[in-house]
Amino acid sequence: MAKKTTGAKAAKKPSIYSVAPFIKEFYPDYYSIETYPADKCVAFNAITDEWGIFGNFANTPLVVDGVKFKSSELLFQIMKFKQEDVVKNVYKGITYRGLSKGTVKMVAKSYETPGLRREDWGSMVVDAIKFCLQTKFEQSPEFREKLLSSKGFYIIEDQTSRKKGADATADTWGALLRDGSYVGPNLLGRLLMELRDNGKLEYKLPDDAFQFIEYLK
């Protein structure tokens, strides 16, 4: 059975990219540290892993109002922005300084630094990822079947190899393997389990949440 500890203590001021302060303020039900026995888990790290299709970077194309997104991660990152030029550049993989390399997550971060992210992003971030996961569930049979096949197990985004040292902590989305258990917020894993077990994710987004679609048609 998963154990829960509420209110993770921050060691230092979070970066502007940190999701944790938003979860604490706007989604307190998800603000906790979870503990899962490793032998009762299915875990993923890279998209090439057995359960890698659970990752947002997995190649599961999605279509929203006629616009195609190569992954749920691309859709999620674009939802951070309202400005037409920013939306188009993130979609094309072009950074703030005009470079065209790196993951879509890094491209999006390049626009967050100069303050181009939606002002209300913190209050909609979990609803946004819920929308992306729900869309993926509805449109990708492979993802849907794999997710349903994990029933009876905890789902973990395993960040152990990415977080080194005794003081390493998982970010909001994943967990670390420690002494036979996965420990961390594991938000992505929790949402995947919620989707699997309930068949859908409830979300509420601002009226202009999909304004970006018009810029990509």
N, C-alpha and C. Protein backbone atom coordinates (compact mmCIF):
# COMPACT_ATOMS: atom_id res chain seq x y z
N MET A 1 0.85 -1.20 0.00
CA MET A 1 0.00 0.00 0.00
C MET A 1 0.88 1.24 0.00
N ALA A 2 0.54 2.21 -0.82
CA ALA A 2 1.34 3.44 -0.89
C ALA A 2 1.18 4.24 0.39
N LYS A 3 2.30 4.79 0.88
CA LYS A 3 2.27 5.66 2.05
C LYS A 3 2.39 7.10 1.60
N LYS A 4 1.82 8.00 2.38
CA LYS A 4 1.78 9.41 1.98
C LYS A 4 2.34 10.29 3.08
N THR A 5 3.15 11.27 2.68
CA THR A 5 3.63 12.29 3.58
C THR A 5 3.31 13.63 2.96
N THR A 6 2.53 14.46 3.65
CA THR A 6 2.09 15.72 3.07
C THR A 6 3.10 16.83 3.29
N GLY A 7 3.21 17.72 2.25
CA GLY A 7 4.02 18.92 2.39
C GLY A 7 5.50 18.69 2.36
N ALA A 8 6.04 18.40 1.19
CA ALA A 8 7.48 18.19 1.06
C ALA A 8 8.23 19.47 1.42
N LYS A 9 9.29 19.37 2.22
CA LYS A 9 10.07 20.53 2.64
C LYS A 9 11.04 20.93 1.54
N ALA A 10 11.02 22.18 1.17
CA ALA A 10 11.93 22.66 0.12
C ALA A 10 13.26 23.05 0.73
N ALA A 11 14.34 22.59 0.10
CA ALA A 11 15.68 22.89 0.61
C ALA A 11 16.11 24.29 0.22
N LYS A 12 15.60 24.80 -0.88
CA LYS A 12 15.97 26.13 -1.34
C LYS A 12 14.83 26.70 -2.18
N LYS A 13 14.93 27.95 -2.50
CA LYS A 13 13.89 28.60 -3.28
C LYS A 13 13.76 27.90 -4.63
N PRO A 14 12.53 27.50 -5.01
CA PRO A 14 12.36 26.77 -6.27
C PRO A 14 12.63 27.66 -7.48
N SER A 15 13.03 27.03 -8.57
CA SER A 15 13.27 27.79 -9.79
C SER A 15 11.93 28.17 -10.41
N ILE A 16 11.99 29.02 -11.41
CA ILE A 16 10.75 29.44 -12.07
C ILE A 16 10.10 28.29 -12.82
N TYR A 17 10.86 27.21 -13.03
CA TYR A 17 10.33 26.06 -13.74
C TYR A 17 9.68 25.05 -12.81
N SER A 18 9.83 25.24 -11.50
CA SER A 18 9.33 24.26 -10.55
C SER A 18 7.80 24.24 -10.52
N VAL A 19 7.26 23.04 -10.56
CA VAL A 19 5.81 22.88 -10.51
C VAL A 19 5.31 22.79 -9.07
N ALA A 20 6.17 22.39 -8.16
CA ALA A 20 5.77 22.13 -6.77
C ALA A 20 5.01 23.28 -6.11
N PRO A 21 5.48 24.55 -6.24
CA PRO A 21 4.73 25.63 -5.59
C PRO A 21 3.30 25.77 -6.13
N PHE A 22 3.13 25.49 -7.41
CA PHE A 22 1.79 25.55 -8.00
C PHE A 22 0.90 24.45 -7.44
N ILE A 23 1.47 23.25 -7.29
CA ILE A 23 0.70 22.14 -6.75
C ILE A 23 0.28 22.45 -5.32
N LYS A 24 1.20 22.98 -4.56
CA LYS A 24 0.91 23.31 -3.16
C LYS A 24 -0.21 24.33 -3.05
N GLU A 25 -0.18 25.34 -3.92
CA GLU A 25 -1.18 26.42 -3.83
C GLU A 25 -2.52 26.06 -4.45
N PHE A 26 -2.47 25.47 -5.64
CA PHE A 26 -3.71 25.28 -6.40
C PHE A 26 -4.25 23.85 -6.42
N TYR A 27 -3.38 22.88 -6.13
CA TYR A 27 -3.80 21.47 -6.17
C TYR A 27 -3.29 20.73 -4.93
N PRO A 28 -3.67 21.18 -3.74
CA PRO A 28 -3.13 20.60 -2.50
C PRO A 28 -3.37 19.10 -2.35
N ASP A 29 -4.39 18.57 -2.99
CA ASP A 29 -4.65 17.12 -2.89
C ASP A 29 -3.52 16.30 -3.51
N TYR A 30 -2.77 16.91 -4.41
CA TYR A 30 -1.65 16.22 -5.06
C TYR A 30 -0.30 16.59 -4.46
N TYR A 31 -0.32 17.43 -3.43
CA TYR A 31 0.94 17.90 -2.85
C TYR A 31 1.35 16.98 -1.70
N SER A 32 2.10 15.95 -2.01
CA SER A 32 2.52 14.99 -1.00
C SER A 32 3.69 14.16 -1.54
N ILE A 33 4.34 13.47 -0.64
CA ILE A 33 5.39 12.52 -1.00
C ILE A 33 4.81 11.13 -0.81
N GLU A 34 4.86 10.32 -1.85
CA GLU A 34 4.30 8.98 -1.82
C GLU A 34 5.40 7.93 -1.72
N THR A 35 5.08 6.81 -1.12
CA THR A 35 6.01 5.68 -1.01
C THR A 35 5.33 4.42 -1.54
N TYR A 36 5.99 3.76 -2.49
CA TYR A 36 5.41 2.57 -3.13
C TYR A 36 6.41 1.41 -3.08
N PRO A 37 5.99 0.22 -2.63
CA PRO A 37 6.89 -0.94 -2.67
C PRO A 37 7.24 -1.28 -4.11
N ALA A 38 8.53 -1.37 -4.39
CA ALA A 38 9.00 -1.52 -5.77
C ALA A 38 8.47 -2.78 -6.44
N ASP A 39 8.26 -3.85 -5.66
CA ASP A 39 7.81 -5.10 -6.27
C ASP A 39 6.34 -5.06 -6.68
N LYS A 40 5.67 -3.97 -6.36
CA LYS A 40 4.27 -3.82 -6.75
C LYS A 40 4.10 -2.68 -7.77
N CYS A 41 5.21 -2.32 -8.42
CA CYS A 41 5.20 -1.18 -9.34
C CYS A 41 5.57 -1.57 -10.77
N VAL A 42 5.06 -0.81 -11.71
CA VAL A 42 5.60 -0.80 -13.08
C VAL A 42 6.18 0.60 -13.26
N ALA A 43 7.44 0.65 -13.69
CA ALA A 43 8.14 1.92 -13.75
C ALA A 43 8.67 2.18 -15.16
N PHE A 44 8.78 3.46 -15.49
CA PHE A 44 9.33 3.85 -16.78
C PHE A 44 10.26 5.02 -16.59
N ASN A 45 11.27 5.08 -17.45
CA ASN A 45 12.23 6.18 -17.45
C ASN A 45 12.34 6.72 -18.87
N ALA A 46 12.81 5.88 -19.79
CA ALA A 46 12.93 6.27 -21.19
C ALA A 46 11.73 5.72 -21.98
N ILE A 47 11.46 6.33 -23.11
CA ILE A 47 10.32 5.89 -23.92
C ILE A 47 10.58 4.53 -24.55
N THR A 48 11.83 4.07 -24.52
CA THR A 48 12.16 2.75 -25.06
C THR A 48 11.96 1.64 -24.02
N ASP A 49 11.66 1.99 -22.78
CA ASP A 49 11.41 1.00 -21.73
C ASP A 49 10.13 0.22 -22.02
N GLU A 50 9.97 -0.89 -21.32
CA GLU A 50 8.77 -1.71 -21.50
C GLU A 50 7.50 -0.90 -21.33
N TRP A 51 7.51 0.00 -20.35
CA TRP A 51 6.33 0.82 -20.06
C TRP A 51 6.53 2.26 -20.54
N GLY A 52 7.46 2.44 -21.45
CA GLY A 52 7.83 3.78 -21.90
C GLY A 52 6.74 4.58 -22.57
N ILE A 53 5.73 3.90 -23.08
CA ILE A 53 4.63 4.62 -23.74
C ILE A 53 3.88 5.49 -22.74
N PHE A 54 4.06 5.23 -21.44
CA PHE A 54 3.41 6.06 -20.42
C PHE A 54 4.04 7.46 -20.36
N GLY A 55 5.27 7.59 -20.85
CA GLY A 55 5.95 8.88 -20.81
C GLY A 55 5.33 9.87 -21.80
N ASN A 56 5.39 11.13 -21.45
CA ASN A 56 4.80 12.16 -22.31
C ASN A 56 5.54 12.34 -23.62
N PHE A 57 6.82 11.93 -23.67
CA PHE A 57 7.59 12.07 -24.89
C PHE A 57 7.38 10.91 -25.86
N ALA A 58 6.61 9.92 -25.46
CA ALA A 58 6.37 8.76 -26.32
C ALA A 58 5.73 9.19 -27.64
N ASN A 59 6.06 8.46 -28.68
CA ASN A 59 5.55 8.78 -30.02
C ASN A 59 4.09 8.32 -30.16
N THR A 60 3.20 9.13 -29.61
CA THR A 60 1.76 8.87 -29.73
C THR A 60 1.11 10.15 -30.25
N PRO A 61 1.09 10.34 -31.56
CA PRO A 61 0.53 11.57 -32.15
C PRO A 61 -0.91 11.82 -31.71
N LEU A 62 -1.21 13.08 -31.46
CA LEU A 62 -2.55 13.49 -31.05
C LEU A 62 -3.06 14.57 -31.99
N VAL A 63 -4.36 14.65 -32.14
CA VAL A 63 -4.96 15.69 -32.98
C VAL A 63 -5.99 16.46 -32.14
N VAL A 64 -5.82 17.78 -32.09
CA VAL A 64 -6.76 18.63 -31.37
C VAL A 64 -7.31 19.66 -32.35
N ASP A 65 -8.59 19.55 -32.62
CA ASP A 65 -9.26 20.48 -33.54
C ASP A 65 -8.53 20.59 -34.87
N GLY A 66 -8.10 19.47 -35.38
CA GLY A 66 -7.47 19.43 -36.70
C GLY A 66 -5.97 19.66 -36.71
N VAL A 67 -5.38 20.00 -35.56
CA VAL A 67 -3.94 20.25 -35.49
C VAL A 67 -3.26 19.04 -34.87
N LYS A 68 -2.21 18.55 -35.52
CA LYS A 68 -1.51 17.35 -35.06
C LYS A 68 -0.33 17.70 -34.16
N PHE A 69 -0.19 16.95 -33.07
CA PHE A 69 0.92 17.09 -32.14
C PHE A 69 1.63 15.74 -32.06
N LYS A 70 2.95 15.75 -32.16
CA LYS A 70 3.68 14.49 -32.23
C LYS A 70 3.72 13.73 -30.91
N SER A 71 3.41 14.41 -29.83
CA SER A 71 3.40 13.77 -28.52
C SER A 71 2.54 14.58 -27.55
N SER A 72 2.17 13.95 -26.44
CA SER A 72 1.41 14.68 -25.42
C SER A 72 2.29 15.75 -24.77
N GLU A 73 3.61 15.55 -24.78
CA GLU A 73 4.51 16.55 -24.22
C GLU A 73 4.49 17.85 -25.03
N LEU A 74 4.48 17.73 -26.35
CA LEU A 74 4.41 18.91 -27.21
C LEU A 74 3.12 19.68 -26.94
N LEU A 75 2.02 18.97 -26.86
CA LEU A 75 0.73 19.61 -26.57
C LEU A 75 0.78 20.31 -25.23
N PHE A 76 1.27 19.64 -24.22
CA PHE A 76 1.35 20.21 -22.87
C PHE A 76 2.21 21.46 -22.83
N GLN A 77 3.38 21.41 -23.46
CA GLN A 77 4.29 22.57 -23.42
C GLN A 77 3.70 23.78 -24.15
N ILE A 78 3.02 23.54 -25.25
CA ILE A 78 2.43 24.65 -26.00
C ILE A 78 1.30 25.31 -25.22
N MET A 79 0.63 24.55 -24.38
CA MET A 79 -0.48 25.11 -23.59
C MET A 79 -0.01 26.16 -22.60
N LYS A 80 1.30 26.30 -22.42
CA LYS A 80 1.85 27.30 -21.50
C LYS A 80 1.77 28.72 -22.06
N PHE A 81 1.50 28.85 -23.36
CA PHE A 81 1.67 30.15 -24.01
C PHE A 81 0.42 30.63 -24.76
N LYS A 82 0.32 31.96 -24.85
CA LYS A 82 -0.78 32.60 -25.57
C LYS A 82 -0.29 33.32 -26.83
N GLN A 83 0.95 33.81 -26.83
CA GLN A 83 1.44 34.64 -27.92
C GLN A 83 1.62 33.81 -29.19
N GLU A 84 1.16 34.35 -30.31
CA GLU A 84 1.19 33.61 -31.57
C GLU A 84 2.59 33.19 -31.98
N ASP A 85 3.56 34.13 -31.91
CA ASP A 85 4.91 33.79 -32.36
C ASP A 85 5.55 32.73 -31.45
N VAL A 86 5.28 32.81 -30.17
CA VAL A 86 5.83 31.83 -29.23
C VAL A 86 5.23 30.45 -29.50
N VAL A 87 3.93 30.40 -29.66
CA VAL A 87 3.24 29.13 -29.94
C VAL A 87 3.81 28.48 -31.19
N LYS A 88 3.96 29.25 -32.24
CA LYS A 88 4.46 28.71 -33.50
C LYS A 88 5.90 28.22 -33.37
N ASN A 89 6.72 28.97 -32.63
CA ASN A 89 8.11 28.58 -32.48
C ASN A 89 8.27 27.31 -31.64
N VAL A 90 7.51 27.21 -30.57
CA VAL A 90 7.58 26.00 -29.74
C VAL A 90 7.11 24.80 -30.56
N TYR A 91 6.10 24.99 -31.35
CA TYR A 91 5.59 23.90 -32.20
C TYR A 91 6.66 23.44 -33.19
N LYS A 92 7.43 24.40 -33.71
CA LYS A 92 8.48 24.09 -34.68
C LYS A 92 9.79 23.68 -34.03
N GLY A 93 9.90 23.85 -32.71
CA GLY A 93 11.13 23.49 -32.01
C GLY A 93 12.19 24.56 -32.06
N ILE A 94 11.78 25.82 -32.15
CA ILE A 94 12.72 26.93 -32.23
C ILE A 94 12.76 27.66 -30.89
N THR A 95 13.94 27.81 -30.29
CA THR A 95 14.06 28.43 -28.99
C THR A 95 13.95 29.95 -29.07
N TYR A 96 13.92 30.57 -27.90
CA TYR A 96 13.82 32.03 -27.79
C TYR A 96 14.95 32.73 -28.53
N ARG A 97 16.14 32.12 -28.56
CA ARG A 97 17.29 32.72 -29.23
C ARG A 97 17.45 32.21 -30.67
N GLY A 98 16.43 31.53 -31.17
CA GLY A 98 16.44 31.13 -32.57
C GLY A 98 17.13 29.82 -32.87
N LEU A 99 17.48 29.07 -31.83
CA LEU A 99 18.11 27.77 -32.04
C LEU A 99 17.06 26.71 -32.33
N SER A 100 17.46 25.66 -32.98
CA SER A 100 16.51 24.60 -33.31
C SER A 100 17.06 23.25 -32.86
N LYS A 101 17.36 23.15 -31.58
CA LYS A 101 17.84 21.90 -31.03
C LYS A 101 17.35 21.76 -29.59
N GLY A 102 17.36 20.53 -29.10
CA GLY A 102 16.88 20.27 -27.75
C GLY A 102 15.46 19.75 -27.75
N THR A 103 15.03 19.24 -26.62
CA THR A 103 13.68 18.70 -26.49
C THR A 103 12.66 19.82 -26.46
N VAL A 104 11.42 19.48 -26.70
CA VAL A 104 10.36 20.48 -26.67
C VAL A 104 10.25 21.10 -25.28
N LYS A 105 10.58 20.34 -24.25
CA LYS A 105 10.56 20.87 -22.89
C LYS A 105 11.59 21.99 -22.74
N MET A 106 12.79 21.77 -23.28
CA MET A 106 13.84 22.79 -23.20
C MET A 106 13.50 24.00 -24.06
N VAL A 107 12.89 23.76 -25.20
CA VAL A 107 12.46 24.87 -26.06
C VAL A 107 11.45 25.74 -25.32
N ALA A 108 10.47 25.11 -24.69
CA ALA A 108 9.46 25.86 -23.94
C ALA A 108 10.09 26.63 -22.78
N LYS A 109 11.05 26.03 -22.11
CA LYS A 109 11.72 26.70 -20.99
C LYS A 109 12.40 27.98 -21.44
N SER A 110 12.90 28.01 -22.66
CA SER A 110 13.60 29.19 -23.16
C SER A 110 12.67 30.39 -23.25
N TYR A 111 11.38 30.16 -23.37
CA TYR A 111 10.41 31.25 -23.42
C TYR A 111 9.85 31.58 -22.04
N GLU A 112 9.93 30.64 -21.11
CA GLU A 112 9.47 30.91 -19.75
C GLU A 112 10.40 31.87 -19.03
N THR A 113 11.70 31.79 -19.31
CA THR A 113 12.68 32.63 -18.64
C THR A 113 12.41 34.12 -18.82
N PRO A 114 12.11 34.60 -20.03
CA PRO A 114 11.82 36.03 -20.18
C PRO A 114 10.38 36.40 -19.82
N GLY A 115 9.67 35.48 -19.19
CA GLY A 115 8.34 35.80 -18.68
C GLY A 115 7.22 35.74 -19.70
N LEU A 116 7.32 34.86 -20.68
CA LEU A 116 6.29 34.77 -21.71
C LEU A 116 5.25 33.68 -21.43
N ARG A 117 5.43 32.98 -20.33
CA ARG A 117 4.46 31.94 -19.96
C ARG A 117 3.15 32.59 -19.49
N ARG A 118 2.06 31.89 -19.70
CA ARG A 118 0.76 32.37 -19.23
C ARG A 118 0.83 32.73 -17.74
N GLU A 119 0.21 33.83 -17.36
CA GLU A 119 0.22 34.24 -15.97
C GLU A 119 -0.57 33.29 -15.09
N ASP A 120 -1.54 32.61 -15.67
CA ASP A 120 -2.38 31.70 -14.89
C ASP A 120 -1.94 30.24 -15.02
N TRP A 121 -0.73 30.00 -15.53
CA TRP A 121 -0.28 28.63 -15.76
C TRP A 121 -0.31 27.80 -14.47
N GLY A 122 0.10 28.38 -13.37
CA GLY A 122 0.13 27.63 -12.12
C GLY A 122 -1.21 27.09 -11.71
N SER A 123 -2.26 27.84 -11.99
CA SER A 123 -3.60 27.43 -11.57
C SER A 123 -4.27 26.46 -12.54
N MET A 124 -3.59 26.17 -13.66
CA MET A 124 -4.19 25.26 -14.65
C MET A 124 -3.28 24.10 -15.02
N VAL A 125 -2.06 24.04 -14.44
CA VAL A 125 -1.07 23.08 -14.90
C VAL A 125 -1.54 21.63 -14.78
N VAL A 126 -2.17 21.26 -13.68
CA VAL A 126 -2.62 19.88 -13.53
C VAL A 126 -3.80 19.59 -14.46
N ASP A 127 -4.68 20.56 -14.61
CA ASP A 127 -5.80 20.37 -15.54
C ASP A 127 -5.29 20.23 -16.97
N ALA A 128 -4.22 20.95 -17.29
CA ALA A 128 -3.64 20.86 -18.64
C ALA A 128 -3.07 19.47 -18.90
N ILE A 129 -2.31 18.94 -17.94
CA ILE A 129 -1.75 17.60 -18.16
C ILE A 129 -2.84 16.55 -18.15
N LYS A 130 -3.89 16.77 -17.38
CA LYS A 130 -5.03 15.85 -17.40
C LYS A 130 -5.67 15.83 -18.78
N PHE A 131 -5.83 17.00 -19.38
CA PHE A 131 -6.38 17.07 -20.73
C PHE A 131 -5.51 16.30 -21.71
N CYS A 132 -4.19 16.49 -21.61
CA CYS A 132 -3.27 15.81 -22.53
C CYS A 132 -3.34 14.30 -22.37
N LEU A 133 -3.37 13.82 -21.14
CA LEU A 133 -3.43 12.39 -20.88
C LEU A 133 -4.76 11.79 -21.32
N GLN A 134 -5.84 12.53 -21.08
CA GLN A 134 -7.16 12.05 -21.50
C GLN A 134 -7.24 11.95 -23.02
N THR A 135 -6.69 12.94 -23.71
CA THR A 135 -6.67 12.94 -25.17
C THR A 135 -5.84 11.77 -25.68
N LYS A 136 -4.71 11.53 -25.06
CA LYS A 136 -3.85 10.40 -25.43
C LYS A 136 -4.58 9.08 -25.22
N PHE A 137 -5.29 8.96 -24.13
CA PHE A 137 -6.05 7.75 -23.81
C PHE A 137 -7.13 7.49 -24.87
N GLU A 138 -7.78 8.55 -25.30
CA GLU A 138 -8.87 8.42 -26.27
C GLU A 138 -8.36 8.15 -27.69
N GLN A 139 -7.19 8.68 -28.02
CA GLN A 139 -6.73 8.62 -29.41
C GLN A 139 -5.67 7.56 -29.70
N SER A 140 -5.02 7.05 -28.67
CA SER A 140 -3.96 6.06 -28.89
C SER A 140 -4.35 4.69 -28.33
N PRO A 141 -4.80 3.77 -29.18
CA PRO A 141 -5.16 2.43 -28.71
C PRO A 141 -4.00 1.72 -28.01
N GLU A 142 -2.79 1.91 -28.52
CA GLU A 142 -1.62 1.26 -27.93
C GLU A 142 -1.40 1.73 -26.49
N PHE A 143 -1.48 3.03 -26.28
CA PHE A 143 -1.33 3.59 -24.93
C PHE A 143 -2.45 3.10 -24.03
N ARG A 144 -3.66 3.16 -24.53
CA ARG A 144 -4.83 2.76 -23.73
C ARG A 144 -4.73 1.30 -23.29
N GLU A 145 -4.38 0.42 -24.21
CA GLU A 145 -4.27 -1.01 -23.89
C GLU A 145 -3.14 -1.28 -22.89
N LYS A 146 -2.02 -0.60 -23.07
CA LYS A 146 -0.89 -0.79 -22.16
C LYS A 146 -1.25 -0.28 -20.76
N LEU A 147 -1.93 0.86 -20.71
CA LEU A 147 -2.32 1.42 -19.42
C LEU A 147 -3.27 0.48 -18.68
N LEU A 148 -4.25 -0.03 -19.38
CA LEU A 148 -5.21 -0.95 -18.75
C LEU A 148 -4.54 -2.25 -18.32
N SER A 149 -3.50 -2.66 -19.01
CA SER A 149 -2.80 -3.90 -18.67
C SER A 149 -1.99 -3.78 -17.38
N SER A 150 -1.79 -2.54 -16.91
CA SER A 150 -1.00 -2.32 -15.68
C SER A 150 -1.87 -2.39 -14.43
N LYS A 151 -3.13 -2.66 -14.58
CA LYS A 151 -4.05 -2.66 -13.44
C LYS A 151 -3.56 -3.61 -12.36
N GLY A 152 -3.62 -3.14 -11.12
CA GLY A 152 -3.13 -3.93 -9.99
C GLY A 152 -1.73 -3.53 -9.56
N PHE A 153 -1.08 -2.68 -10.36
CA PHE A 153 0.27 -2.20 -10.04
C PHE A 153 0.27 -0.68 -9.90
N TYR A 154 1.21 -0.19 -9.11
CA TYR A 154 1.44 1.25 -9.06
C TYR A 154 2.26 1.64 -10.29
N ILE A 155 2.01 2.83 -10.82
CA ILE A 155 2.75 3.33 -11.98
C ILE A 155 3.71 4.42 -11.49
N ILE A 156 4.97 4.30 -11.88
CA ILE A 156 6.01 5.22 -11.41
C ILE A 156 6.79 5.79 -12.57
N GLU A 157 6.98 7.11 -12.58
CA GLU A 157 7.99 7.69 -13.45
C GLU A 157 9.29 7.63 -12.67
N ASP A 158 10.18 6.73 -13.04
CA ASP A 158 11.41 6.46 -12.30
C ASP A 158 12.49 7.47 -12.68
N GLN A 159 12.82 8.34 -11.75
CA GLN A 159 13.84 9.37 -11.99
C GLN A 159 15.16 9.06 -11.29
N THR A 160 15.32 7.82 -10.82
CA THR A 160 16.50 7.45 -10.04
C THR A 160 17.80 7.75 -10.77
N SER A 161 17.88 7.41 -12.05
CA SER A 161 19.12 7.60 -12.80
C SER A 161 19.39 9.06 -13.12
N ARG A 162 18.40 9.90 -13.00
CA ARG A 162 18.57 11.32 -13.31
C ARG A 162 18.95 12.14 -12.07
N LYS A 163 18.67 11.61 -10.90
CA LYS A 163 18.90 12.34 -9.65
C LYS A 163 19.99 11.64 -8.86
N LYS A 164 21.17 12.22 -8.82
CA LYS A 164 22.33 11.60 -8.18
C LYS A 164 22.59 12.17 -6.78
N GLY A 165 23.21 11.37 -5.93
CA GLY A 165 23.65 11.83 -4.63
C GLY A 165 22.66 11.55 -3.52
N ALA A 166 23.15 11.58 -2.30
CA ALA A 166 22.33 11.26 -1.13
C ALA A 166 21.21 12.26 -0.91
N ASP A 167 21.42 13.50 -1.34
CA ASP A 167 20.41 14.54 -1.13
C ASP A 167 19.48 14.70 -2.32
N ALA A 168 19.61 13.82 -3.30
CA ALA A 168 18.78 13.94 -4.50
C ALA A 168 17.31 13.74 -4.16
N THR A 169 16.48 14.54 -4.77
CA THR A 169 15.03 14.40 -4.59
C THR A 169 14.37 14.38 -5.96
N ALA A 170 13.31 13.64 -6.07
CA ALA A 170 12.58 13.57 -7.32
C ALA A 170 11.85 14.89 -7.55
N ASP A 171 11.67 15.25 -8.82
CA ASP A 171 10.85 16.43 -9.07
C ASP A 171 9.38 16.03 -8.94
N THR A 172 8.49 16.98 -9.17
CA THR A 172 7.07 16.76 -8.93
C THR A 172 6.50 15.57 -9.69
N TRP A 173 7.04 15.29 -10.87
CA TRP A 173 6.42 14.30 -11.74
C TRP A 173 6.77 12.86 -11.40
N GLY A 174 7.90 12.60 -10.73
CA GLY A 174 8.35 11.23 -10.57
C GLY A 174 8.72 10.83 -9.16
N ALA A 175 9.48 9.72 -9.05
CA ALA A 175 9.90 9.17 -7.77
C ALA A 175 11.27 8.52 -7.94
N LEU A 176 11.94 8.27 -6.81
CA LEU A 176 13.26 7.65 -6.80
C LEU A 176 13.20 6.30 -6.09
N LEU A 177 14.01 5.37 -6.55
CA LEU A 177 14.10 4.06 -5.90
C LEU A 177 15.06 4.15 -4.72
N ARG A 178 14.54 3.87 -3.53
CA ARG A 178 15.33 3.94 -2.31
C ARG A 178 15.00 2.75 -1.41
N ASP A 179 15.96 1.86 -1.19
CA ASP A 179 15.79 0.74 -0.26
C ASP A 179 14.54 -0.08 -0.53
N GLY A 180 14.34 -0.41 -1.77
CA GLY A 180 13.23 -1.30 -2.13
C GLY A 180 11.89 -0.63 -2.32
N SER A 181 11.85 0.70 -2.25
CA SER A 181 10.61 1.44 -2.46
C SER A 181 10.86 2.65 -3.35
N TYR A 182 9.85 3.03 -4.08
CA TYR A 182 9.90 4.28 -4.84
C TYR A 182 9.32 5.38 -3.96
N VAL A 183 10.05 6.49 -3.87
CA VAL A 183 9.64 7.60 -3.00
C VAL A 183 9.65 8.90 -3.80
N GLY A 184 8.57 9.65 -3.72
CA GLY A 184 8.51 10.94 -4.40
C GLY A 184 7.09 11.37 -4.65
N PRO A 185 6.88 12.57 -5.19
CA PRO A 185 5.54 13.05 -5.50
C PRO A 185 4.82 12.18 -6.54
N ASN A 186 5.58 11.77 -7.57
CA ASN A 186 5.05 10.85 -8.59
C ASN A 186 3.73 11.34 -9.18
N LEU A 187 3.65 12.63 -9.49
CA LEU A 187 2.39 13.18 -9.98
C LEU A 187 1.95 12.55 -11.30
N LEU A 188 2.88 12.35 -12.24
CA LEU A 188 2.49 11.75 -13.51
C LEU A 188 1.98 10.33 -13.29
N GLY A 189 2.68 9.56 -12.48
CA GLY A 189 2.23 8.21 -12.20
C GLY A 189 0.87 8.18 -11.54
N ARG A 190 0.63 9.11 -10.64
CA ARG A 190 -0.66 9.16 -9.94
C ARG A 190 -1.80 9.50 -10.90
N LEU A 191 -1.54 10.42 -11.81
CA LEU A 191 -2.57 10.78 -12.78
C LEU A 191 -2.84 9.63 -13.75
N LEU A 192 -1.79 8.91 -14.13
CA LEU A 192 -1.97 7.75 -15.00
C LEU A 192 -2.81 6.68 -14.31
N MET A 193 -2.56 6.46 -13.03
CA MET A 193 -3.35 5.48 -12.28
C MET A 193 -4.80 5.94 -12.13
N GLU A 194 -4.98 7.22 -11.92
CA GLU A 194 -6.33 7.78 -11.82
C GLU A 194 -7.10 7.59 -13.13
N LEU A 195 -6.41 7.83 -14.23
CA LEU A 195 -7.02 7.65 -15.54
C LEU A 195 -7.35 6.18 -15.77
N ARG A 196 -6.41 5.31 -15.47
CA ARG A 196 -6.62 3.87 -15.65
C ARG A 196 -7.78 3.36 -14.82
N ASP A 197 -7.82 3.73 -13.55
CA ASP A 197 -8.78 3.17 -12.62
C ASP A 197 -10.18 3.77 -12.76
N ASN A 198 -10.26 5.02 -13.22
CA ASN A 198 -11.56 5.68 -13.36
C ASN A 198 -12.07 5.74 -14.79
N GLY A 199 -11.16 5.49 -15.76
CA GLY A 199 -11.56 5.54 -17.16
C GLY A 199 -11.57 6.93 -17.75
N LYS A 200 -11.35 7.95 -16.91
CA LYS A 200 -11.30 9.33 -17.40
C LYS A 200 -10.69 10.23 -16.33
N LEU A 201 -10.26 11.40 -16.76
CA LEU A 201 -9.75 12.42 -15.86
C LEU A 201 -10.63 13.65 -15.98
N GLU A 202 -11.06 14.15 -14.87
CA GLU A 202 -11.86 15.38 -14.86
C GLU A 202 -10.92 16.58 -14.86
N TYR A 203 -11.21 17.56 -15.69
CA TYR A 203 -10.39 18.76 -15.72
C TYR A 203 -11.25 19.97 -16.05
N LYS A 204 -10.76 21.14 -15.67
CA LYS A 204 -11.44 22.39 -15.97
C LYS A 204 -10.39 23.40 -16.40
N LEU A 205 -10.52 23.90 -17.62
CA LEU A 205 -9.53 24.81 -18.17
C LEU A 205 -10.14 26.18 -18.47
N PRO A 206 -9.31 27.23 -18.49
CA PRO A 206 -9.81 28.58 -18.81
C PRO A 206 -10.42 28.64 -20.21
N ASP A 207 -11.29 29.60 -20.42
CA ASP A 207 -11.97 29.73 -21.71
C ASP A 207 -10.99 29.91 -22.87
N ASP A 208 -9.85 30.52 -22.59
CA ASP A 208 -8.88 30.77 -23.67
C ASP A 208 -7.75 29.73 -23.70
N ALA A 209 -7.97 28.60 -23.04
CA ALA A 209 -6.91 27.58 -22.94
C ALA A 209 -6.46 27.05 -24.29
N PHE A 210 -7.36 27.09 -25.29
CA PHE A 210 -7.03 26.53 -26.60
C PHE A 210 -6.90 27.59 -27.69
N GLN A 211 -6.63 28.79 -27.26
CA GLN A 211 -6.41 29.89 -28.20
C GLN A 211 -5.26 29.56 -29.15
N PHE A 212 -4.27 28.83 -28.66
CA PHE A 212 -3.08 28.50 -29.45
C PHE A 212 -3.41 27.69 -30.70
N ILE A 213 -4.50 26.96 -30.68
CA ILE A 213 -4.87 26.11 -31.82
C ILE A 213 -5.06 26.96 -33.08
N GLU A 214 -5.66 28.11 -32.93
CA GLU A 214 -5.93 28.98 -34.09
C GLU A 214 -4.63 29.42 -34.78
N TYR A 215 -3.56 29.53 -34.02
CA TYR A 215 -2.29 29.97 -34.59
C TYR A 215 -1.59 28.85 -35.37
N LEU A 216 -2.02 27.62 -35.17
CA LEU A 216 -1.35 26.48 -35.78
C LEU A 216 -2.12 25.88 -36.95
N LYS A 217 -3.27 26.44 -37.24
CA LYS A 217 -4.08 25.91 -38.35
C LYS A 217 -3.56 26.44 -39.69
